[in-house]
Amino acid sequence: MYLHQGSNDAELVQRSLEGDLGAFEALVQEYQGVLFTVAYRMLGDYEDARDATQNAFIKVFQRLETFDRQRRFFSWIYRILVNECLNAKRDRRVSVEISDREASTSAGPDEPLAAAERQLQVRRAVLTLSPDYREVIVLRHFGGLSYDEMAEALQIPVRTVKSRLYTARHRLMEALSALQRR
């Protein structure tokens, strides 16, 4: 999934502030997919991810006037979403286990069972990572962000992004190996 950096985000924000709900809807349409994906990968639960994404958009709407137009809109909304995910995790103490319902719906009717099992193992392994490592994996591999985009979204230097991603990949491989030995 590649994140399109809308060149007209600032214009849509301005129109939203002026009361144009259609402009805010355009922002929601632009970013809801990638934000849901990030939330789902961070929380591991469809309903929790949906709630976190919706809550993030509500907060964005309520705080739109605080958006710094010198920054990218995605970076700002991403931080709000991550905070929502962290709040959701703190409120319910996330379990690493994926529900049977999620496991059974992860594969389509034509998808081989082995591929579905690999997807489930990757999801479980991602959920074992700490939030800092989980978010760089999600942004890079599921969100399609560049190192620069990740650095801006996370508000950390590019070198830190690369370091975290390197460590996260190694920890992910270790987690996957441990899951396969079971």
C-alpha atoms as a PDB file:
ATOM      1  CA  MET A   1       0.000   0.000   0.000  1.00  0.00           C
ATOM      2  CA  TYR A   2       1.617   3.257  -1.099  1.00  0.00           C
ATOM      3  CA  LEU A   3       0.734   6.431   0.717  1.00  0.00           C
ATOM      4  CA  HIS A   4      -0.036   9.305  -1.635  1.00  0.00           C
ATOM      5  CA  GLN A   5       1.061  12.589  -0.152  1.00  0.00           C
ATOM      6  CA  GLY A   6      -1.798  14.811  -1.286  1.00  0.00           C
ATOM      7  CA  SER A   7      -0.475  18.135  -2.515  1.00  0.00           C
ATOM      8  CA  ASN A   8      -3.817  19.703  -1.739  1.00  0.00           C
ATOM      9  CA  ASP A   9      -3.987  18.649   1.925  1.00  0.00           C
ATOM     10  CA  ALA A  10      -3.383  22.212   3.137  1.00  0.00           C
ATOM     11  CA  GLU A  11      -6.173  23.427   0.876  1.00  0.00           C
ATOM     12  CA  LEU A  12      -8.522  20.725   2.157  1.00  0.00           C
ATOM     13  CA  VAL A  13      -7.645  21.602   5.747  1.00  0.00           C
ATOM     14  CA  GLN A  14      -8.358  25.272   5.086  1.00  0.00           C
ATOM     15  CA  ARG A  15     -11.693  24.476   3.427  1.00  0.00           C
ATOM     16  CA  SER A  16     -12.569  22.186   6.354  1.00  0.00           C
ATOM     17  CA  LEU A  17     -11.824  24.976   8.800  1.00  0.00           C
ATOM     18  CA  GLU A  18     -14.163  27.183   6.791  1.00  0.00           C
ATOM     19  CA  GLY A  19     -16.965  24.661   7.294  1.00  0.00           C
ATOM     20  CA  ASP A  20     -16.705  22.570   4.111  1.00  0.00           C
ATOM     21  CA  LEU A  21     -17.479  19.059   5.374  1.00  0.00           C
ATOM     22  CA  GLY A  22     -16.839  17.669   1.893  1.00  0.00           C
ATOM     23  CA  ALA A  23     -13.234  18.791   2.183  1.00  0.00           C
ATOM     24  CA  PHE A  24     -12.835  16.937   5.471  1.00  0.00           C
ATOM     25  CA  GLU A  25     -14.471  13.885   3.883  1.00  0.00           C
ATOM     26  CA  ALA A  26     -11.822  14.056   1.142  1.00  0.00           C
ATOM     27  CA  LEU A  27      -9.100  13.949   3.806  1.00  0.00           C
ATOM     28  CA  VAL A  28     -10.777  10.964   5.430  1.00  0.00           C
ATOM     29  CA  GLN A  29     -11.009   9.161   2.086  1.00  0.00           C
ATOM     30  CA  GLU A  30      -7.344   9.891   1.349  1.00  0.00           C
ATOM     31  CA  TYR A  31      -5.956   8.573   4.635  1.00  0.00           C
ATOM     32  CA  GLN A  32      -8.421   6.121   6.170  1.00  0.00           C
ATOM     33  CA  GLY A  33      -6.989   3.069   4.406  1.00  0.00           C
ATOM     34  CA  VAL A  34      -3.384   3.530   5.446  1.00  0.00           C
ATOM     35  CA  LEU A  35      -4.344   4.630   8.958  1.00  0.00           C
ATOM     36  CA  PHE A  36      -6.583   1.601   9.439  1.00  0.00           C
ATOM     37  CA  THR A  37      -3.763  -0.650   8.221  1.00  0.00           C
ATOM     38  CA  VAL A  38      -1.358   0.910  10.712  1.00  0.00           C
ATOM     39  CA  ALA A  39      -3.892   0.598  13.536  1.00  0.00           C
ATOM     40  CA  TYR A  40      -4.677  -3.015  12.660  1.00  0.00           C
ATOM     41  CA  ARG A  41      -1.012  -3.968  12.545  1.00  0.00           C
ATOM     42  CA  MET A  42      -0.371  -2.220  15.848  1.00  0.00           C
ATOM     43  CA  LEU A  43      -3.412  -3.581  17.683  1.00  0.00           C
ATOM     44  CA  GLY A  44      -3.990  -6.936  15.993  1.00  0.00           C
ATOM     45  CA  ASP A  45      -7.758  -6.650  16.269  1.00  0.00           C
ATOM     46  CA  TYR A  46     -10.100  -5.465  13.503  1.00  0.00           C
ATOM     47  CA  GLU A  47     -12.679  -3.780  15.745  1.00  0.00           C
ATOM     48  CA  ASP A  48     -10.058  -2.093  17.918  1.00  0.00           C
ATOM     49  CA  ALA A  49      -8.286  -0.821  14.799  1.00  0.00           C
ATOM     50  CA  ARG A  50     -11.554   0.500  13.402  1.00  0.00           C
ATOM     51  CA  ASP A  51     -12.322   2.270  16.683  1.00  0.00           C
ATOM     52  CA  ALA A  52      -8.811   3.749  16.922  1.00  0.00           C
ATOM     53  CA  THR A  53      -9.000   5.011  13.338  1.00  0.00           C
ATOM     54  CA  GLN A  54     -12.415   6.566  13.882  1.00  0.00           C
ATOM     55  CA  ASN A  55     -11.311   8.148  17.154  1.00  0.00           C
ATOM     56  CA  ALA A  56      -8.243   9.577  15.436  1.00  0.00           C
ATOM     57  CA  PHE A  57     -10.397  11.217  12.762  1.00  0.00           C
ATOM     58  CA  ILE A  58     -12.718  12.642  15.413  1.00  0.00           C
ATOM     59  CA  LYS A  59      -9.743  14.167  17.233  1.00  0.00           C
ATOM     60  CA  VAL A  60      -8.349  15.484  13.957  1.00  0.00           C
ATOM     61  CA  PHE A  61     -11.663  17.165  13.225  1.00  0.00           C
ATOM     62  CA  GLN A  62     -11.816  18.664  16.707  1.00  0.00           C
ATOM     63  CA  ARG A  63      -8.213  19.904  16.592  1.00  0.00           C
ATOM     64  CA  LEU A  64      -7.903  20.839  12.935  1.00  0.00           C
ATOM     65  CA  GLU A  65      -7.103  24.450  13.763  1.00  0.00           C
ATOM     66  CA  THR A  66      -3.941  23.292  15.599  1.00  0.00           C
ATOM     67  CA  PHE A  67      -2.475  21.660  12.460  1.00  0.00           C
ATOM     68  CA  ASP A  68       0.875  23.265  11.558  1.00  0.00           C
ATOM     69  CA  ARG A  69       0.780  23.780   7.813  1.00  0.00           C
ATOM     70  CA  GLN A  70       4.568  23.719   7.669  1.00  0.00           C
ATOM     71  CA  ARG A  71       4.353  19.966   8.278  1.00  0.00           C
ATOM     72  CA  ARG A  72       2.758  17.174   6.293  1.00  0.00           C
ATOM     73  CA  PHE A  73      -0.812  16.389   7.198  1.00  0.00           C
ATOM     74  CA  PHE A  74      -0.094  12.661   7.279  1.00  0.00           C
ATOM     75  CA  SER A  75       2.650  13.114   9.884  1.00  0.00           C
ATOM     76  CA  TRP A  76       0.250  14.988  12.129  1.00  0.00           C
ATOM     77  CA  ILE A  77      -2.661  12.582  11.773  1.00  0.00           C
ATOM     78  CA  TYR A  78      -0.322   9.602  12.121  1.00  0.00           C
ATOM     79  CA  ARG A  79       0.845  10.816  15.560  1.00  0.00           C
ATOM     80  CA  ILE A  80      -2.766  11.175  16.653  1.00  0.00           C
ATOM     81  CA  LEU A  81      -3.521   7.627  15.457  1.00  0.00           C
ATOM     82  CA  VAL A  82      -0.497   6.148  17.223  1.00  0.00           C
ATOM     83  CA  ASN A  83      -1.592   7.803  20.468  1.00  0.00           C
ATOM     84  CA  GLU A  84      -5.074   6.318  20.006  1.00  0.00           C
ATOM     85  CA  CYS A  85      -3.539   2.876  19.462  1.00  0.00           C
ATOM     86  CA  LEU A  86      -1.358   3.201  22.545  1.00  0.00           C
ATOM     87  CA  ASN A  87      -4.386   4.271  24.583  1.00  0.00           C
ATOM     88  CA  ALA A  88      -6.366   1.291  23.283  1.00  0.00           C
ATOM     89  CA  LYS A  89      -3.539  -1.088  24.173  1.00  0.00           C
ATOM     90  CA  ARG A  90      -3.163   0.392  27.629  1.00  0.00           C
ATOM     91  CA  ASP A  91      -6.902   0.192  28.212  1.00  0.00           C
ATOM     92  CA  ARG A  92      -7.192  -3.481  27.350  1.00  0.00           C
ATOM     93  CA  ARG A  93      -3.701  -4.964  27.810  1.00  0.00           C
ATOM     94  CA  VAL A  94      -3.238  -6.495  24.360  1.00  0.00           C
ATOM     95  CA  SER A  95      -2.991 -10.236  24.055  1.00  0.00           C
ATOM     96  CA  VAL A  96      -0.594 -11.587  21.463  1.00  0.00           C
ATOM     97  CA  GLU A  97      -3.039 -14.270  20.460  1.00  0.00           C
ATOM     98  CA  ILE A  98      -5.105 -13.696  17.327  1.00  0.00           C
ATOM     99  CA  SER A  99      -8.712 -14.796  17.586  1.00  0.00           C
ATOM    100  CA  ASP A 100      -9.928 -17.858  15.726  1.00  0.00           C
ATOM    101  CA  ARG A 101     -12.298 -15.637  13.741  1.00  0.00           C
ATOM    102  CA  GLU A 102      -9.392 -13.572  12.407  1.00  0.00           C
ATOM    103  CA  ALA A 103      -7.375 -16.670  11.593  1.00  0.00           C
ATOM    104  CA  SER A 104     -10.219 -18.214   9.648  1.00  0.00           C
ATOM    105  CA  THR A 105     -10.945 -15.045   7.642  1.00  0.00           C
ATOM    106  CA  SER A 106      -7.342 -14.199   6.769  1.00  0.00           C
ATOM    107  CA  ALA A 107      -7.371 -16.482   3.743  1.00  0.00           C
ATOM    108  CA  GLY A 108      -9.576 -16.114   0.720  1.00  0.00           C
ATOM    109  CA  PRO A 109     -11.266 -19.142  -0.832  1.00  0.00           C
ATOM    110  CA  ASP A 110      -8.540 -19.539  -3.467  1.00  0.00           C
ATOM    111  CA  GLU A 111      -5.573 -18.850  -1.204  1.00  0.00           C
ATOM    112  CA  PRO A 112      -3.505 -21.879  -0.252  1.00  0.00           C
ATOM    113  CA  LEU A 113      -3.588 -22.865   3.394  1.00  0.00           C
ATOM    114  CA  ALA A 114       0.184 -22.471   3.713  1.00  0.00           C
ATOM    115  CA  ALA A 115       0.035 -18.824   2.649  1.00  0.00           C
ATOM    116  CA  ALA A 116      -2.755 -18.153   5.128  1.00  0.00           C
ATOM    117  CA  GLU A 117      -0.725 -19.763   7.892  1.00  0.00           C
ATOM    118  CA  ARG A 118       2.309 -17.619   6.993  1.00  0.00           C
ATOM    119  CA  GLN A 119       0.160 -14.483   7.140  1.00  0.00           C
ATOM    120  CA  LEU A 120      -1.118 -15.484  10.560  1.00  0.00           C
ATOM    121  CA  GLN A 121       2.418 -16.146  11.794  1.00  0.00           C
ATOM    122  CA  VAL A 122       3.604 -12.768  10.511  1.00  0.00           C
ATOM    123  CA  ARG A 123       0.707 -11.022  12.276  1.00  0.00           C
ATOM    124  CA  ARG A 124       1.467 -12.832  15.506  1.00  0.00           C
ATOM    125  CA  ALA A 125       5.175 -12.052  15.211  1.00  0.00           C
ATOM    126  CA  VAL A 126       4.527  -8.359  14.512  1.00  0.00           C
ATOM    127  CA  LEU A 127       2.358  -8.183  17.620  1.00  0.00           C
ATOM    128  CA  THR A 128       5.248  -9.458  19.762  1.00  0.00           C
ATOM    129  CA  LEU A 129       7.373  -6.431  18.833  1.00  0.00           C
ATOM    130  CA  SER A 130       7.483  -3.376  21.077  1.00  0.00           C
ATOM    131  CA  PRO A 131       5.461  -0.410  19.771  1.00  0.00           C
ATOM    132  CA  ASP A 132       8.577   1.415  18.508  1.00  0.00           C
ATOM    133  CA  TYR A 133       9.653  -1.546  16.415  1.00  0.00           C
ATOM    134  CA  ARG A 134       6.131  -2.475  15.380  1.00  0.00           C
ATOM    135  CA  GLU A 135       5.405   0.968  13.968  1.00  0.00           C
ATOM    136  CA  VAL A 136       8.523   1.080  11.764  1.00  0.00           C
ATOM    137  CA  ILE A 137       7.728  -2.364  10.347  1.00  0.00           C
ATOM    138  CA  VAL A 138       4.126  -1.368   9.707  1.00  0.00           C
ATOM    139  CA  LEU A 139       4.979   1.974   8.120  1.00  0.00           C
ATOM    140  CA  ARG A 140       7.686   0.561   5.855  1.00  0.00           C
ATOM    141  CA  HIS A 141       6.261  -2.788   4.826  1.00  0.00           C
ATOM    142  CA  PHE A 142       2.512  -2.273   5.112  1.00  0.00           C
ATOM    143  CA  GLY A 143       2.279   1.501   4.609  1.00  0.00           C
ATOM    144  CA  GLY A 144       4.937   1.796   1.915  1.00  0.00           C
ATOM    145  CA  LEU A 145       6.513   4.923   3.411  1.00  0.00           C
ATOM    146  CA  SER A 146      10.050   6.046   2.572  1.00  0.00           C
ATOM    147  CA  TYR A 147      12.626   6.546   5.310  1.00  0.00           C
ATOM    148  CA  ASP A 148      12.130  10.316   5.101  1.00  0.00           C
ATOM    149  CA  GLU A 149       8.346   9.979   5.387  1.00  0.00           C
ATOM    150  CA  MET A 150       8.740   7.639   8.334  1.00  0.00           C
ATOM    151  CA  ALA A 151      11.137  10.031  10.061  1.00  0.00           C
ATOM    152  CA  GLU A 152       8.707  12.885   9.658  1.00  0.00           C
ATOM    153  CA  ALA A 153       5.720  10.841  10.816  1.00  0.00           C
ATOM    154  CA  LEU A 154       7.571   9.507  13.857  1.00  0.00           C
ATOM    155  CA  GLN A 155       9.358  12.794  14.537  1.00  0.00           C
ATOM    156  CA  ILE A 156      12.744  11.092  14.748  1.00  0.00           C
ATOM    157  CA  PRO A 157      15.907  11.328  12.607  1.00  0.00           C
ATOM    158  CA  VAL A 158      16.231   9.149   9.496  1.00  0.00           C
ATOM    159  CA  ARG A 159      19.218   7.385  11.095  1.00  0.00           C
ATOM    160  CA  THR A 160      17.002   6.370  14.013  1.00  0.00           C
ATOM    161  CA  VAL A 161      14.368   5.081  11.589  1.00  0.00           C
ATOM    162  CA  LYS A 162      16.961   2.927   9.817  1.00  0.00           C
ATOM    163  CA  SER A 163      18.370   1.657  13.107  1.00  0.00           C
ATOM    164  CA  ARG A 164      14.936   0.780  14.488  1.00  0.00           C
ATOM    165  CA  LEU A 165      13.945  -0.891  11.246  1.00  0.00           C
ATOM    166  CA  TYR A 166      17.126  -2.960  11.214  1.00  0.00           C
ATOM    167  CA  THR A 167      16.554  -4.102  14.789  1.00  0.00           C
ATOM    168  CA  ALA A 168      12.838  -4.621  14.206  1.00  0.00           C
ATOM    169  CA  ARG A 169      13.480  -6.871  11.215  1.00  0.00           C
ATOM    170  CA  HIS A 170      15.889  -9.002  13.226  1.00  0.00           C
ATOM    171  CA  ARG A 171      13.450  -9.291  16.119  1.00  0.00           C
ATOM    172  CA  LEU A 172      10.666 -10.112  13.696  1.00  0.00           C
ATOM    173  CA  MET A 173      12.753 -12.908  12.201  1.00  0.00           C
ATOM    174  CA  GLU A 174      13.479 -14.253  15.684  1.00  0.00           C
ATOM    175  CA  ALA A 175       9.777 -14.144  16.549  1.00  0.00           C
ATOM    176  CA  LEU A 176       8.864 -15.917  13.317  1.00  0.00           C
ATOM    177  CA  SER A 177      11.478 -18.599  13.984  1.00  0.00           C
ATOM    178  CA  ALA A 178      10.113 -19.132  17.479  1.00  0.00           C
ATOM    179  CA  LEU A 179       6.560 -19.430  16.151  1.00  0.00           C
ATOM    180  CA  GLN A 180       7.633 -21.979  13.532  1.00  0.00           C
ATOM    181  CA  ARG A 181       9.324 -24.153  16.170  1.00  0.00           C
ATOM    182  CA  ARG A 182       6.057 -24.486  18.071  1.00  0.00           C
END
